[in-house]
Amino acid sequence: ESGTSDDDPGRTIGSETVFHYTIKRHDFRCTAGSFFQVNIPQAEALVGYVLNRLELSGTETVLDLYSGVGLFTAFLAESAKTVHSVESAPSAVADARHNLSAHTNIIIHEGTTESILPTLTDRFEAAVIDPPRTGMHPAALAALIGLRPERVVYVSCDPATLARDAKLLTAAGYHLLDAQPIDMFPQTYHIETVAFFRL
């Protein structure tokens, strides 16, 4: 419940509340409890930048880690052979199943990244990572490095945890080719960064 006065009592968002967002012609359902980017124009720029860096040709098997309601997965599926989407929040997984139901080349895994990655046996050419502010769980990052995707796009909302995880990726043989800041939160010190790594 929010509100600062009797004139503006605010409103409570219940678990049944559903929001809809349109990004580049795709409609995304997002129920209360699921995460979605708050800055829609910049979310479109973010999707465009991720797809541009990956340069998918249609033959790749791609990982989308911390995939939420399917924002990146929906667009990856249009340009990849198969997309494995990994998400732990049940509400986001339910939204993703709804949002991605038109695609037949998506496999949705419900669970933590560190528990799902060690069970995967496919060869992955590319990965998109969009973790929370804490960055990747160390076991998840180790499992990702073990899968050796050739291209990794890491979307980070915290430069410190990005630097920590980038250090481990580069120690494992990845090269950081570029990092693009995207201002998702104008007039704040927060910054989103898209980092592109390649073996």
C-alpha atoms as a PDB file:
ATOM      1  CA  GLU A   1       0.000   0.000   0.000  1.00  0.00           C
ATOM      2  CA  SER A   2       1.336   3.414  -0.910  1.00  0.00           C
ATOM      3  CA  GLY A   3       0.028   6.900  -0.460  1.00  0.00           C
ATOM      4  CA  THR A   4       1.102  10.118   1.147  1.00  0.00           C
ATOM      5  CA  SER A   5      -2.180  11.738   2.097  1.00  0.00           C
ATOM      6  CA  ASP A   6      -5.899  11.143   2.557  1.00  0.00           C
ATOM      7  CA  ASP A   7      -6.400  12.724  -0.875  1.00  0.00           C
ATOM      8  CA  ASP A   8      -4.085  10.145  -2.493  1.00  0.00           C
ATOM      9  CA  PRO A   9      -4.481   6.864  -0.659  1.00  0.00           C
ATOM     10  CA  GLY A  10      -2.644   4.890  -3.360  1.00  0.00           C
ATOM     11  CA  ARG A  11      -3.646   1.373  -4.311  1.00  0.00           C
ATOM     12  CA  THR A  12      -2.721  -2.141  -3.419  1.00  0.00           C
ATOM     13  CA  ILE A  13      -1.474  -4.395  -6.198  1.00  0.00           C
ATOM     14  CA  GLY A  14      -2.722  -7.902  -5.576  1.00  0.00           C
ATOM     15  CA  SER A  15      -1.318 -11.155  -6.908  1.00  0.00           C
ATOM     16  CA  GLU A  16      -4.087 -11.255  -9.526  1.00  0.00           C
ATOM     17  CA  THR A  17      -3.095  -7.890 -11.039  1.00  0.00           C
ATOM     18  CA  VAL A  18      -1.942  -8.195 -14.659  1.00  0.00           C
ATOM     19  CA  PHE A  19      -0.080  -5.591 -16.692  1.00  0.00           C
ATOM     20  CA  HIS A  20       0.551  -5.633 -20.442  1.00  0.00           C
ATOM     21  CA  TYR A  21       3.548  -4.054 -22.164  1.00  0.00           C
ATOM     22  CA  THR A  22       4.305  -3.841 -25.867  1.00  0.00           C
ATOM     23  CA  ILE A  23       7.919  -4.038 -26.993  1.00  0.00           C
ATOM     24  CA  LYS A  24       8.648  -4.027 -30.722  1.00  0.00           C
ATOM     25  CA  ARG A  25       5.196  -5.386 -31.693  1.00  0.00           C
ATOM     26  CA  HIS A  26       5.203  -8.120 -29.020  1.00  0.00           C
ATOM     27  CA  ASP A  27       2.691  -7.995 -26.184  1.00  0.00           C
ATOM     28  CA  PHE A  28       4.019  -9.182 -22.822  1.00  0.00           C
ATOM     29  CA  ARG A  29       1.805 -10.151 -19.905  1.00  0.00           C
ATOM     30  CA  CYS A  30       3.367  -9.387 -16.547  1.00  0.00           C
ATOM     31  CA  THR A  31       1.562 -10.359 -13.367  1.00  0.00           C
ATOM     32  CA  ALA A  32       2.255  -8.806  -9.974  1.00  0.00           C
ATOM     33  CA  GLY A  33       5.440 -10.342  -8.633  1.00  0.00           C
ATOM     34  CA  SER A  34       7.080 -10.687 -12.054  1.00  0.00           C
ATOM     35  CA  PHE A  35       9.840  -8.332 -13.193  1.00  0.00           C
ATOM     36  CA  PHE A  36       9.643  -6.136 -16.287  1.00  0.00           C
ATOM     37  CA  GLN A  37      11.824  -3.242 -17.438  1.00  0.00           C
ATOM     38  CA  VAL A  38      10.200   0.017 -16.334  1.00  0.00           C
ATOM     39  CA  ASN A  39      11.493   2.203 -19.167  1.00  0.00           C
ATOM     40  CA  ILE A  40       9.701   0.922 -22.278  1.00  0.00           C
ATOM     41  CA  PRO A  41      11.546   3.007 -24.945  1.00  0.00           C
ATOM     42  CA  GLN A  42      14.904   2.031 -23.464  1.00  0.00           C
ATOM     43  CA  ALA A  43      13.770  -1.603 -23.126  1.00  0.00           C
ATOM     44  CA  GLU A  44      13.260  -1.580 -26.899  1.00  0.00           C
ATOM     45  CA  ALA A  45      16.762  -0.167 -27.339  1.00  0.00           C
ATOM     46  CA  LEU A  46      18.088  -2.830 -24.991  1.00  0.00           C
ATOM     47  CA  VAL A  47      16.469  -5.655 -26.990  1.00  0.00           C
ATOM     48  CA  GLY A  48      17.795  -4.200 -30.233  1.00  0.00           C
ATOM     49  CA  TYR A  49      21.309  -3.929 -28.879  1.00  0.00           C
ATOM     50  CA  VAL A  50      21.333  -7.508 -27.550  1.00  0.00           C
ATOM     51  CA  LEU A  51      20.114  -8.909 -30.875  1.00  0.00           C
ATOM     52  CA  ASN A  52      22.633  -6.806 -32.796  1.00  0.00           C
ATOM     53  CA  ARG A  53      25.542  -8.100 -30.748  1.00  0.00           C
ATOM     54  CA  LEU A  54      24.547 -11.763 -31.122  1.00  0.00           C
ATOM     55  CA  GLU A  55      24.101 -11.628 -34.923  1.00  0.00           C
ATOM     56  CA  LEU A  56      22.028 -14.833 -34.965  1.00  0.00           C
ATOM     57  CA  SER A  57      21.669 -16.641 -38.292  1.00  0.00           C
ATOM     58  CA  GLY A  58      18.870 -19.082 -37.445  1.00  0.00           C
ATOM     59  CA  THR A  59      21.060 -22.123 -36.791  1.00  0.00           C
ATOM     60  CA  GLU A  60      22.051 -21.400 -33.182  1.00  0.00           C
ATOM     61  CA  THR A  61      20.918 -22.928 -29.909  1.00  0.00           C
ATOM     62  CA  VAL A  62      20.759 -20.060 -27.413  1.00  0.00           C
ATOM     63  CA  LEU A  63      20.520 -19.750 -23.636  1.00  0.00           C
ATOM     64  CA  ASP A  64      18.434 -16.997 -22.061  1.00  0.00           C
ATOM     65  CA  LEU A  65      19.326 -16.932 -18.356  1.00  0.00           C
ATOM     66  CA  TYR A  66      17.263 -15.101 -15.728  1.00  0.00           C
ATOM     67  CA  SER A  67      14.741 -14.806 -18.552  1.00  0.00           C
ATOM     68  CA  GLY A  68      11.803 -13.387 -16.609  1.00  0.00           C
ATOM     69  CA  VAL A  69       8.561 -13.129 -18.563  1.00  0.00           C
ATOM     70  CA  GLY A  70      10.378 -13.801 -21.851  1.00  0.00           C
ATOM     71  CA  LEU A  71      11.425 -10.337 -23.027  1.00  0.00           C
ATOM     72  CA  PHE A  72      14.638 -11.475 -24.745  1.00  0.00           C
ATOM     73  CA  THR A  73      13.430 -15.027 -25.432  1.00  0.00           C
ATOM     74  CA  ALA A  74      10.585 -13.814 -27.666  1.00  0.00           C
ATOM     75  CA  PHE A  75      12.997 -12.032 -29.989  1.00  0.00           C
ATOM     76  CA  LEU A  76      15.757 -14.630 -29.779  1.00  0.00           C
ATOM     77  CA  ALA A  77      13.261 -17.276 -30.909  1.00  0.00           C
ATOM     78  CA  GLU A  78      12.670 -15.373 -34.159  1.00  0.00           C
ATOM     79  CA  SER A  79      16.364 -15.603 -35.082  1.00  0.00           C
ATOM     80  CA  ALA A  80      17.598 -18.844 -33.466  1.00  0.00           C
ATOM     81  CA  LYS A  81      17.015 -22.540 -34.015  1.00  0.00           C
ATOM     82  CA  THR A  82      16.217 -23.194 -30.342  1.00  0.00           C
ATOM     83  CA  VAL A  83      16.118 -21.060 -27.195  1.00  0.00           C
ATOM     84  CA  HIS A  84      16.442 -22.471 -23.678  1.00  0.00           C
ATOM     85  CA  SER A  85      14.823 -20.027 -21.256  1.00  0.00           C
ATOM     86  CA  VAL A  86      15.772 -20.347 -17.568  1.00  0.00           C
ATOM     87  CA  GLU A  87      13.820 -18.585 -14.803  1.00  0.00           C
ATOM     88  CA  SER A  88      13.223 -19.319 -11.114  1.00  0.00           C
ATOM     89  CA  ALA A  89      10.249 -17.085 -10.213  1.00  0.00           C
ATOM     90  CA  PRO A  90       6.999 -19.080 -10.639  1.00  0.00           C
ATOM     91  CA  SER A  91       4.942 -16.005 -11.588  1.00  0.00           C
ATOM     92  CA  ALA A  92       7.451 -15.042 -14.292  1.00  0.00           C
ATOM     93  CA  VAL A  93       7.546 -18.609 -15.639  1.00  0.00           C
ATOM     94  CA  ALA A  94       3.735 -18.626 -15.881  1.00  0.00           C
ATOM     95  CA  ASP A  95       3.861 -15.289 -17.722  1.00  0.00           C
ATOM     96  CA  ALA A  96       6.614 -16.579 -20.028  1.00  0.00           C
ATOM     97  CA  ARG A  97       4.571 -19.668 -20.933  1.00  0.00           C
ATOM     98  CA  HIS A  98       1.729 -17.327 -21.884  1.00  0.00           C
ATOM     99  CA  ASN A  99       3.902 -14.772 -23.692  1.00  0.00           C
ATOM    100  CA  LEU A 100       5.886 -17.355 -25.668  1.00  0.00           C
ATOM    101  CA  SER A 101       3.082 -19.810 -26.476  1.00  0.00           C
ATOM    102  CA  ALA A 102       3.145 -18.984 -30.206  1.00  0.00           C
ATOM    103  CA  HIS A 103       6.736 -20.229 -30.538  1.00  0.00           C
ATOM    104  CA  THR A 104       7.603 -23.893 -31.019  1.00  0.00           C
ATOM    105  CA  ASN A 105      11.384 -23.528 -30.673  1.00  0.00           C
ATOM    106  CA  ILE A 106      11.517 -22.494 -26.989  1.00  0.00           C
ATOM    107  CA  ILE A 107      12.219 -24.758 -24.028  1.00  0.00           C
ATOM    108  CA  ILE A 108      11.313 -23.163 -20.696  1.00  0.00           C
ATOM    109  CA  HIS A 109      13.168 -24.407 -17.618  1.00  0.00           C
ATOM    110  CA  GLU A 110      11.760 -23.469 -14.212  1.00  0.00           C
ATOM    111  CA  GLY A 111      14.419 -23.334 -11.525  1.00  0.00           C
ATOM    112  CA  THR A 112      17.524 -21.475 -10.508  1.00  0.00           C
ATOM    113  CA  THR A 113      20.216 -20.985 -13.106  1.00  0.00           C
ATOM    114  CA  GLU A 114      22.738 -22.795 -10.938  1.00  0.00           C
ATOM    115  CA  SER A 115      20.459 -25.860 -10.686  1.00  0.00           C
ATOM    116  CA  ILE A 116      19.373 -25.963 -14.348  1.00  0.00           C
ATOM    117  CA  LEU A 117      22.639 -25.303 -16.231  1.00  0.00           C
ATOM    118  CA  PRO A 118      24.454 -28.446 -15.022  1.00  0.00           C
ATOM    119  CA  THR A 119      21.573 -30.575 -16.395  1.00  0.00           C
ATOM    120  CA  LEU A 120      21.805 -29.198 -19.955  1.00  0.00           C
ATOM    121  CA  THR A 121      23.693 -31.200 -22.555  1.00  0.00           C
ATOM    122  CA  ASP A 122      23.089 -29.201 -25.756  1.00  0.00           C
ATOM    123  CA  ARG A 123      25.833 -27.262 -27.461  1.00  0.00           C
ATOM    124  CA  PHE A 124      25.078 -23.561 -27.103  1.00  0.00           C
ATOM    125  CA  GLU A 125      26.440 -21.027 -29.558  1.00  0.00           C
ATOM    126  CA  ALA A 126      25.195 -17.997 -27.638  1.00  0.00           C
ATOM    127  CA  ALA A 127      23.863 -16.898 -24.256  1.00  0.00           C
ATOM    128  CA  VAL A 128      22.016 -13.876 -22.932  1.00  0.00           C
ATOM    129  CA  ILE A 129      22.364 -13.221 -19.204  1.00  0.00           C
ATOM    130  CA  ASP A 130      20.180 -10.683 -17.368  1.00  0.00           C
ATOM    131  CA  PRO A 131      20.731 -11.398 -13.668  1.00  0.00           C
ATOM    132  CA  PRO A 132      19.504  -9.430 -10.666  1.00  0.00           C
ATOM    133  CA  ARG A 133      21.672  -6.725  -9.115  1.00  0.00           C
ATOM    134  CA  THR A 134      23.677  -9.377  -7.250  1.00  0.00           C
ATOM    135  CA  GLY A 135      24.986 -10.766 -10.569  1.00  0.00           C
ATOM    136  CA  MET A 136      25.366 -14.446 -11.363  1.00  0.00           C
ATOM    137  CA  HIS A 137      25.521 -17.055  -8.632  1.00  0.00           C
ATOM    138  CA  PRO A 138      29.104 -18.425  -8.652  1.00  0.00           C
ATOM    139  CA  ALA A 139      27.880 -21.969  -9.417  1.00  0.00           C
ATOM    140  CA  ALA A 140      25.768 -20.647 -12.298  1.00  0.00           C
ATOM    141  CA  LEU A 141      28.709 -18.770 -13.782  1.00  0.00           C
ATOM    142  CA  ALA A 142      30.932 -21.847 -13.451  1.00  0.00           C
ATOM    143  CA  ALA A 143      28.288 -23.980 -15.184  1.00  0.00           C
ATOM    144  CA  LEU A 144      27.924 -21.409 -17.978  1.00  0.00           C
ATOM    145  CA  ILE A 145      31.684 -21.375 -18.517  1.00  0.00           C
ATOM    146  CA  GLY A 146      31.559 -25.172 -18.667  1.00  0.00           C
ATOM    147  CA  LEU A 147      28.995 -25.031 -21.495  1.00  0.00           C
ATOM    148  CA  ARG A 148      31.330 -22.710 -23.478  1.00  0.00           C
ATOM    149  CA  PRO A 149      28.866 -20.663 -25.550  1.00  0.00           C
ATOM    150  CA  GLU A 150      30.894 -18.763 -28.165  1.00  0.00           C
ATOM    151  CA  ARG A 151      29.047 -15.475 -27.672  1.00  0.00           C
ATOM    152  CA  VAL A 152      27.766 -14.088 -24.371  1.00  0.00           C
ATOM    153  CA  VAL A 153      25.765 -10.904 -23.926  1.00  0.00           C
ATOM    154  CA  TYR A 154      25.594  -9.911 -20.270  1.00  0.00           C
ATOM    155  CA  VAL A 155      22.926  -7.346 -19.328  1.00  0.00           C
ATOM    156  CA  SER A 156      23.801  -5.837 -15.963  1.00  0.00           C
ATOM    157  CA  CYS A 157      22.154  -3.301 -13.680  1.00  0.00           C
ATOM    158  CA  ASP A 158      25.183  -3.118 -11.366  1.00  0.00           C
ATOM    159  CA  PRO A 159      28.667  -2.252 -12.660  1.00  0.00           C
ATOM    160  CA  ALA A 160      30.370  -3.819  -9.617  1.00  0.00           C
ATOM    161  CA  THR A 161      28.849  -7.276 -10.057  1.00  0.00           C
ATOM    162  CA  LEU A 162      29.366  -7.052 -13.822  1.00  0.00           C
ATOM    163  CA  ALA A 163      33.067  -6.358 -13.204  1.00  0.00           C
ATOM    164  CA  ARG A 164      33.287  -9.313 -10.809  1.00  0.00           C
ATOM    165  CA  ASP A 165      31.641 -11.723 -13.286  1.00  0.00           C
ATOM    166  CA  ALA A 166      33.559 -10.276 -16.264  1.00  0.00           C
ATOM    167  CA  LYS A 167      36.819 -11.015 -14.454  1.00  0.00           C
ATOM    168  CA  LEU A 168      35.836 -14.686 -14.170  1.00  0.00           C
ATOM    169  CA  LEU A 169      34.662 -14.868 -17.787  1.00  0.00           C
ATOM    170  CA  THR A 170      37.891 -13.378 -19.099  1.00  0.00           C
ATOM    171  CA  ALA A 171      39.948 -15.684 -16.870  1.00  0.00           C
ATOM    172  CA  ALA A 172      38.101 -18.576 -18.554  1.00  0.00           C
ATOM    173  CA  GLY A 173      39.140 -17.426 -22.025  1.00  0.00           C
ATOM    174  CA  TYR A 174      36.379 -15.001 -22.988  1.00  0.00           C
ATOM    175  CA  HIS A 175      37.296 -11.644 -24.495  1.00  0.00           C
ATOM    176  CA  LEU A 176      35.291  -8.549 -23.546  1.00  0.00           C
ATOM    177  CA  LEU A 177      34.739  -6.862 -26.907  1.00  0.00           C
ATOM    178  CA  ASP A 178      32.597  -3.935 -25.783  1.00  0.00           C
ATOM    179  CA  ALA A 179      30.310  -2.597 -23.067  1.00  0.00           C
ATOM    180  CA  GLN A 180      27.413  -0.269 -23.858  1.00  0.00           C
ATOM    181  CA  PRO A 181      25.722   1.727 -21.078  1.00  0.00           C
ATOM    182  CA  ILE A 182      21.979   2.253 -21.472  1.00  0.00           C
ATOM    183  CA  ASP A 183      20.239   4.788 -19.227  1.00  0.00           C
ATOM    184  CA  MET A 184      17.135   2.938 -18.052  1.00  0.00           C
ATOM    185  CA  PHE A 185      16.717   5.210 -15.025  1.00  0.00           C
ATOM    186  CA  PRO A 186      17.148   8.891 -16.013  1.00  0.00           C
ATOM    187  CA  GLN A 187      18.069  11.340 -13.265  1.00  0.00           C
ATOM    188  CA  THR A 188      19.445   8.552 -11.061  1.00  0.00           C
ATOM    189  CA  TYR A 189      22.927   7.109 -10.640  1.00  0.00           C
ATOM    190  CA  HIS A 190      21.720   3.662 -11.809  1.00  0.00           C
ATOM    191  CA  ILE A 191      22.910   2.494 -15.198  1.00  0.00           C
ATOM    192  CA  GLU A 192      22.267  -0.621 -17.255  1.00  0.00           C
ATOM    193  CA  THR A 193      25.258  -2.021 -19.135  1.00  0.00           C
ATOM    194  CA  VAL A 194      25.292  -4.517 -21.994  1.00  0.00           C
ATOM    195  CA  ALA A 195      28.644  -6.313 -22.178  1.00  0.00           C
ATOM    196  CA  PHE A 196      29.587  -8.514 -25.130  1.00  0.00           C
ATOM    197  CA  PHE A 197      32.007 -11.398 -24.640  1.00  0.00           C
ATOM    198  CA  ARG A 198      33.374 -13.849 -27.182  1.00  0.00           C
ATOM    199  CA  LEU A 199      35.618 -16.900 -26.961  1.00  0.00           C
END
